[in-house]
Amino acid sequence: MIRLFFLIPIIMCAIWWWYLTNRGYSLKQGLKGFIYILLFNAIIIGFFVMMIFVTST
């Protein structure tokens, strides 16, 4: 499961890109959304990594 964490931001960014193109927005207009997606996923993945180290002892 841990080895697949890199797929979460890729899938979320792909969905965001699809949404932008369907609504007629440019990638430049949706850049803030990509940043939010990456920050959110970094926090989630960081939490899970921390929990792995906390519970591994």
C-alpha atoms as a PDB file:
ATOM      1  CA  MET A   1       0.000   0.000   0.000  1.00  0.00           C
ATOM      2  CA  ILE A   2       2.764   2.443   0.917  1.00  0.00           C
ATOM      3  CA  ARG A   3       4.472   1.952  -2.420  1.00  0.00           C
ATOM      4  CA  LEU A   4       1.371   3.244  -4.210  1.00  0.00           C
ATOM      5  CA  PHE A   5       1.171   6.593  -2.372  1.00  0.00           C
ATOM      6  CA  PHE A   6       2.796   8.376  -5.309  1.00  0.00           C
ATOM      7  CA  LEU A   7      -0.325   7.589  -7.372  1.00  0.00           C
ATOM      8  CA  ILE A   8      -2.645   9.702  -5.207  1.00  0.00           C
ATOM      9  CA  PRO A   9      -1.317  13.135  -6.305  1.00  0.00           C
ATOM     10  CA  ILE A  10      -0.988  11.955  -9.912  1.00  0.00           C
ATOM     11  CA  ILE A  11      -4.618  10.843 -10.021  1.00  0.00           C
ATOM     12  CA  MET A  12      -5.869  13.981  -8.281  1.00  0.00           C
ATOM     13  CA  CYS A  13      -3.877  16.230 -10.645  1.00  0.00           C
ATOM     14  CA  ALA A  14      -5.207  14.295 -13.643  1.00  0.00           C
ATOM     15  CA  ILE A  15      -8.784  14.786 -12.431  1.00  0.00           C
ATOM     16  CA  TRP A  16      -8.104  18.494 -11.860  1.00  0.00           C
ATOM     17  CA  TRP A  17      -6.582  18.821 -15.348  1.00  0.00           C
ATOM     18  CA  TRP A  18      -9.616  17.040 -16.839  1.00  0.00           C
ATOM     19  CA  TYR A  19     -11.965  19.406 -14.971  1.00  0.00           C
ATOM     20  CA  LEU A  20     -10.058  22.468 -16.190  1.00  0.00           C
ATOM     21  CA  THR A  21     -10.071  21.373 -19.823  1.00  0.00           C
ATOM     22  CA  ASN A  22     -13.786  20.489 -19.749  1.00  0.00           C
ATOM     23  CA  ARG A  23     -14.685  23.893 -18.305  1.00  0.00           C
ATOM     24  CA  GLY A  24     -12.483  25.781 -20.788  1.00  0.00           C
ATOM     25  CA  TYR A  25      -9.869  27.008 -18.314  1.00  0.00           C
ATOM     26  CA  SER A  26      -6.158  27.091 -19.059  1.00  0.00           C
ATOM     27  CA  LEU A  27      -3.555  25.295 -16.968  1.00  0.00           C
ATOM     28  CA  LYS A  28      -2.234  28.688 -15.881  1.00  0.00           C
ATOM     29  CA  GLN A  29      -5.635  29.554 -14.435  1.00  0.00           C
ATOM     30  CA  GLY A  30      -5.721  26.249 -12.539  1.00  0.00           C
ATOM     31  CA  LEU A  31      -2.169  26.438 -11.192  1.00  0.00           C
ATOM     32  CA  LYS A  32      -3.356  27.328  -7.688  1.00  0.00           C
ATOM     33  CA  GLY A  33      -5.445  24.150  -7.619  1.00  0.00           C
ATOM     34  CA  PHE A  34      -2.419  22.033  -8.541  1.00  0.00           C
ATOM     35  CA  ILE A  35      -0.451  23.641  -5.711  1.00  0.00           C
ATOM     36  CA  TYR A  36      -3.245  22.925  -3.228  1.00  0.00           C
ATOM     37  CA  ILE A  37      -3.451  19.311  -4.408  1.00  0.00           C
ATOM     38  CA  LEU A  38       0.294  18.781  -4.017  1.00  0.00           C
ATOM     39  CA  LEU A  39       0.413  20.427  -0.581  1.00  0.00           C
ATOM     40  CA  PHE A  40      -2.566  18.415   0.649  1.00  0.00           C
ATOM     41  CA  ASN A  41      -1.022  15.168  -0.553  1.00  0.00           C
ATOM     42  CA  ALA A  42       2.361  16.031   0.962  1.00  0.00           C
ATOM     43  CA  ILE A  43       0.689  16.520   4.347  1.00  0.00           C
ATOM     44  CA  ILE A  44      -1.272  13.263   4.074  1.00  0.00           C
ATOM     45  CA  ILE A  45       1.736  11.229   2.954  1.00  0.00           C
ATOM     46  CA  GLY A  46       3.894  12.848   5.644  1.00  0.00           C
ATOM     47  CA  PHE A  47       1.334  11.867   8.275  1.00  0.00           C
ATOM     48  CA  PHE A  48       1.288   8.257   7.124  1.00  0.00           C
ATOM     49  CA  VAL A  49       5.094   8.075   7.030  1.00  0.00           C
ATOM     50  CA  MET A  50       5.222   9.499  10.548  1.00  0.00           C
ATOM     51  CA  MET A  51       2.688   6.920  11.726  1.00  0.00           C
ATOM     52  CA  ILE A  52       4.786   4.129  10.229  1.00  0.00           C
ATOM     53  CA  PHE A  53       7.828   5.285  12.207  1.00  0.00           C
ATOM     54  CA  VAL A  54       5.831   5.809  15.409  1.00  0.00           C
ATOM     55  CA  THR A  55       4.229   2.388  15.320  1.00  0.00           C
ATOM     56  CA  SER A  56       7.240   0.408  14.081  1.00  0.00           C
ATOM     57  CA  THR A  57       8.892   0.065  17.499  1.00  0.00           C
END
